[in-house]
Amino acid sequence: MKQIIAMHGWSGDSNGWNRWSHHFRKKGWYWQSGERGYGSLPAIQPNWEKDSETSNKQIRIIICHSLGAHLLKEEVFQHANKVVFLCSFSKFIPTGSEGRAIRTALTGMKNCLGTKNEEAMLSTFLQKACSPAPTNSLPSGPIDQGISHVGRQNLQADLDLLMQTSGIPSGLSPLAKVLVVEGAQDLIVTPSSRKTLLEDLEKHLKEKPTFWSMPEMGHALLDPNLIKRVQSWLA
């Protein structure tokens, strides 16, 4: 069985994977999308389906965007053969003055949740995540549809998690093959945090990760050809 588990990032939802899941399911893959439940969708923590094939023939792929890499369980990473990191990070907040400024900004975002400033804060975040593309380039998600009470609690908890990230996801096998895709115009993950992810992976993995930098793309990686490129790499 060829399986894929995908996980969205902060403020997103599993509908963001609809084009991806449709493409891979047509190719015979079993696809699961994780869900944090920020909006109307219930939270889902995916796990691998049992497979009758021997372990060395099982194909288990993780595709994660941004914070999504840190929202999956350790045992999911332990059994993944290949992992695709899309605009992700190992440590989100860099060291030094740059890191202090980002921590202050994140604390301000957290304090806006549940207040009259929440909508404006989330709208600003969405604009930065989509840049240089317009926000209507993204499928409708929790920010457009409305944050639920439980979803707001999850957003706050996940901001805390993001601020505490300090390394690659627990459970990632040193034998896994890894693809890192970054948007060169990403306004969410700093260049230094992107560099740290590559350095941490190179120290951990037996095989150096494959790295793609997409010069015209921002954090949302809104490239219609990316799905097929990732499929070719997986093959």
Protein backbone atom coordinates (compact mmCIF):
# COMPACT_ATOMS: atom_id res chain seq x y z
CA MET A 1 0.00 0.00 0.00
CA LYS A 2 1.19 3.50 -0.88
CA GLN A 3 0.13 5.88 1.87
CA ILE A 4 0.40 9.64 2.34
CA ILE A 5 -0.32 11.58 5.52
CA ALA A 6 -0.52 15.36 5.10
CA MET A 7 -0.74 18.07 7.75
CA HIS A 8 -1.63 21.73 7.30
CA GLY A 9 -0.05 24.60 9.19
CA TRP A 10 -1.24 27.25 11.65
CA SER A 11 -4.68 28.75 10.85
CA GLY A 12 -5.23 26.40 7.88
CA ASP A 13 -7.33 23.29 7.50
CA SER A 14 -7.38 20.01 5.63
CA ASN A 15 -9.30 21.51 2.68
CA GLY A 16 -6.03 23.06 1.63
CA TRP A 17 -4.93 19.59 0.50
CA ASN A 18 -7.94 18.94 -1.77
CA ARG A 19 -6.04 19.35 -5.05
CA TRP A 20 -3.17 17.26 -3.70
CA SER A 21 -5.38 14.45 -2.41
CA HIS A 22 -7.39 14.33 -5.66
CA HIS A 23 -4.20 14.06 -7.70
CA PHE A 24 -2.58 11.33 -5.61
CA ARG A 25 -5.76 9.30 -5.13
CA LYS A 26 -6.12 9.14 -8.91
CA LYS A 27 -2.59 7.68 -8.98
CA GLY A 28 -3.58 4.93 -6.53
CA TRP A 29 -2.31 6.43 -3.28
CA TYR A 30 -4.17 6.14 0.04
CA TRP A 31 -4.33 9.73 1.33
CA GLN A 32 -5.13 11.06 4.81
CA SER A 33 -5.26 14.74 5.78
CA GLY A 34 -4.71 15.72 9.38
CA GLU A 35 -6.94 18.40 10.82
CA ARG A 36 -6.48 20.71 13.81
CA GLY A 37 -10.11 21.84 13.95
CA TYR A 38 -9.64 25.62 13.92
CA GLY A 39 -12.93 26.13 12.09
CA SER A 40 -15.97 23.93 11.43
CA LEU A 41 -14.09 20.70 10.72
CA PRO A 42 -13.45 18.22 13.58
CA ALA A 43 -9.87 17.63 14.66
CA ILE A 44 -8.22 14.53 13.17
CA GLN A 45 -4.85 13.08 14.19
CA PRO A 46 -4.03 10.60 11.40
CA ASN A 47 -2.08 7.37 11.70
CA TRP A 48 -0.86 4.77 9.24
CA GLU A 49 -3.28 2.13 8.02
CA LYS A 50 -2.25 -1.45 8.75
CA ASP A 51 -0.50 -2.97 5.74
CA SER A 52 -0.10 -6.66 4.95
CA GLU A 53 3.10 -6.05 2.98
CA THR A 54 6.48 -6.61 4.63
CA SER A 55 7.95 -3.50 6.22
CA ASN A 56 10.63 -3.00 3.55
CA LYS A 57 7.93 -2.81 0.84
CA GLN A 58 5.61 -0.38 2.60
CA ILE A 59 5.59 3.15 1.19
CA ARG A 60 4.68 5.76 3.78
CA ILE A 61 5.00 9.44 2.93
CA ILE A 62 4.52 12.56 5.06
CA ILE A 63 3.79 15.90 3.39
CA CYS A 64 3.60 18.79 5.82
CA HIS A 65 3.28 22.53 5.46
CA SER A 66 4.86 24.98 7.91
CA LEU A 67 3.93 24.12 11.53
CA GLY A 68 2.25 20.94 10.27
CA ALA A 69 5.56 19.13 10.68
CA HIS A 70 5.27 19.62 14.45
CA LEU A 71 1.58 18.73 14.70
CA LEU A 72 1.92 15.04 13.80
CA LYS A 73 2.59 12.30 16.34
CA GLU A 74 6.10 10.96 16.84
CA GLU A 75 5.06 7.44 15.79
CA VAL A 76 3.83 8.77 12.44
CA PHE A 77 7.33 10.08 11.69
CA GLN A 78 8.96 6.90 12.97
CA HIS A 79 7.40 4.84 10.17
CA ALA A 80 7.73 7.31 7.28
CA ASN A 81 10.00 6.38 4.36
CA LYS A 82 9.97 9.85 2.81
CA VAL A 83 9.07 13.29 4.14
CA VAL A 84 8.28 16.47 2.23
CA PHE A 85 8.70 19.72 4.20
CA LEU A 86 6.87 22.62 2.54
CA CYS A 87 7.95 26.03 3.93
CA SER A 88 8.64 24.37 7.25
CA PHE A 89 11.20 24.84 10.01
CA SER A 90 12.89 23.09 12.89
CA LYS A 91 13.19 26.17 15.12
CA PHE A 92 10.78 28.95 14.16
CA ILE A 93 12.22 31.74 16.29
CA PRO A 94 15.85 32.52 15.41
CA THR A 95 18.38 33.65 17.99
CA GLY A 96 19.38 37.24 18.71
CA SER A 97 17.48 40.49 18.19
CA GLU A 98 15.58 39.13 15.21
CA GLY A 99 14.22 36.35 17.37
CA ARG A 100 13.19 38.72 20.17
CA ALA A 101 11.20 40.83 17.71
CA ILE A 102 9.45 37.76 16.30
CA ARG A 103 8.62 36.44 19.76
CA THR A 104 7.08 39.80 20.66
CA ALA A 105 5.01 39.74 17.45
CA LEU A 106 3.78 36.20 18.11
CA THR A 107 2.81 37.12 21.66
CA GLY A 108 0.83 40.03 20.26
CA MET A 109 -0.94 37.69 17.80
CA LYS A 110 -1.84 35.33 20.63
CA ASN A 111 -3.22 38.21 22.70
CA CYS A 112 -5.44 39.28 19.79
CA LEU A 113 -7.25 35.93 19.68
CA GLY A 114 -10.72 36.25 21.21
CA THR A 115 -10.68 40.05 21.08
CA LYS A 116 -12.03 42.67 18.68
CA ASN A 117 -8.59 42.69 17.02
CA GLU A 118 -8.69 38.98 16.11
CA GLU A 119 -10.17 39.38 12.63
CA ALA A 120 -7.68 42.06 11.58
CA MET A 121 -4.74 40.06 12.95
CA LEU A 122 -5.76 36.87 11.13
CA SER A 123 -6.40 38.80 7.92
CA THR A 124 -2.92 40.33 8.09
CA PHE A 125 -1.38 36.91 8.69
CA LEU A 126 -3.24 35.47 5.69
CA GLN A 127 -2.03 38.30 3.45
CA LYS A 128 1.58 37.68 4.49
CA ALA A 129 1.22 33.92 4.02
CA CYS A 130 -0.16 34.36 0.48
CA SER A 131 2.20 37.14 -0.61
CA PRO A 132 3.18 37.81 -3.36
CA ALA A 133 -0.14 36.25 -4.49
CA PRO A 134 -3.53 37.71 -3.47
CA THR A 135 -5.43 36.04 -0.62
CA ASN A 136 -8.21 34.88 -2.94
CA SER A 137 -5.68 32.50 -4.51
CA LEU A 138 -6.17 30.20 -1.51
CA PRO A 139 -9.18 27.92 -0.96
CA SER A 140 -11.56 29.13 1.72
CA GLY A 141 -10.41 28.16 5.22
CA PRO A 142 -11.05 28.90 8.90
CA ILE A 143 -9.97 32.53 8.66
CA ASP A 144 -12.62 33.17 5.97
CA GLN A 145 -15.31 30.93 7.43
CA GLY A 146 -14.88 31.79 11.11
CA ILE A 147 -12.88 30.42 14.03
CA SER A 148 -14.74 28.16 16.45
CA HIS A 149 -14.43 28.41 20.23
CA VAL A 150 -12.43 25.16 20.38
CA GLY A 151 -10.53 26.22 17.29
CA ARG A 152 -9.45 29.43 19.00
CA GLN A 153 -8.08 27.40 21.91
CA ASN A 154 -6.17 25.24 19.42
CA LEU A 155 -4.80 28.30 17.66
CA GLN A 156 -3.50 29.62 20.99
CA ALA A 157 -1.98 26.27 21.94
CA ASP A 158 -0.36 25.90 18.53
CA LEU A 159 1.13 29.38 18.69
CA ASP A 160 2.73 28.32 21.98
CA LEU A 161 4.03 25.18 20.26
CA LEU A 162 5.40 27.22 17.36
CA MET A 163 7.25 29.52 19.76
CA GLN A 164 8.75 26.51 21.54
CA THR A 165 9.97 24.60 18.47
CA SER A 166 13.66 23.82 18.82
CA GLY A 167 14.49 20.98 16.42
CA ILE A 168 13.32 18.63 13.71
CA PRO A 169 10.13 16.65 14.42
CA SER A 170 10.55 13.86 16.96
CA GLY A 171 10.61 10.42 15.43
CA LEU A 172 12.02 11.36 12.01
CA SER A 173 14.10 8.37 10.94
CA PRO A 174 17.73 9.09 9.95
CA LEU A 175 17.11 6.71 7.02
CA ALA A 176 14.17 8.69 5.63
CA LYS A 177 14.57 10.46 2.32
CA VAL A 178 13.63 14.13 2.70
CA LEU A 179 12.60 16.91 0.33
CA VAL A 180 12.64 20.52 1.55
CA VAL A 181 10.73 23.10 -0.52
CA GLU A 182 10.93 26.76 0.36
CA GLY A 183 9.38 29.88 -1.11
CA ALA A 184 12.13 32.41 -1.61
CA GLN A 185 9.63 35.22 -0.94
CA ASP A 186 8.27 33.63 2.25
CA LEU A 187 7.26 36.36 4.71
CA ILE A 188 6.44 33.93 7.53
CA VAL A 189 9.52 31.72 7.96
CA THR A 190 12.71 33.79 8.11
CA PRO A 191 15.72 32.96 5.90
CA SER A 192 17.73 32.08 9.01
CA SER A 193 15.05 29.63 10.20
CA ARG A 194 14.97 28.03 6.73
CA LYS A 195 18.74 27.65 6.83
CA THR A 196 18.58 26.10 10.31
CA LEU A 197 16.13 23.44 9.10
CA LEU A 198 18.52 22.33 6.37
CA GLU A 199 21.47 22.30 8.79
CA ASP A 200 19.53 20.24 11.36
CA LEU A 201 18.41 17.75 8.71
CA GLU A 202 21.93 17.35 7.32
CA LYS A 203 23.20 16.52 10.81
CA HIS A 204 20.40 14.00 11.43
CA LEU A 205 19.95 12.19 8.12
CA LYS A 206 22.15 9.54 6.57
CA GLU A 207 21.40 11.01 3.14
CA LYS A 208 21.53 14.75 2.45
CA PRO A 209 18.03 16.22 1.91
CA THR A 210 16.90 17.35 -1.53
CA PHE A 211 16.34 21.11 -1.54
CA TRP A 212 14.21 23.24 -3.84
CA SER A 213 13.96 27.01 -3.56
CA MET A 214 11.08 28.50 -5.57
CA PRO A 215 12.05 32.09 -6.42
CA GLU A 216 8.58 33.47 -7.21
CA MET A 217 6.73 31.75 -4.36
CA GLY A 218 5.77 32.86 -0.86
CA HIS A 219 4.77 30.85 2.21
CA ALA A 220 1.66 29.34 0.63
CA LEU A 221 3.64 27.88 -2.32
CA LEU A 222 0.82 28.54 -4.79
CA ASP A 223 2.52 26.88 -7.76
CA PRO A 224 0.12 24.68 -9.78
CA ASN A 225 3.03 22.53 -10.97
CA LEU A 226 4.34 21.72 -7.50
CA ILE A 227 2.10 18.67 -7.01
CA LYS A 228 3.45 16.93 -10.10
CA ARG A 229 7.03 17.87 -9.21
CA VAL A 230 6.63 16.34 -5.76
CA GLN A 231 5.04 13.22 -7.26
CA SER A 232 8.05 12.83 -9.58
CA TRP A 233 10.44 13.19 -6.65
CA LEU A 234 8.53 10.57 -4.66
CA ALA A 235 8.77 8.18 -7.59
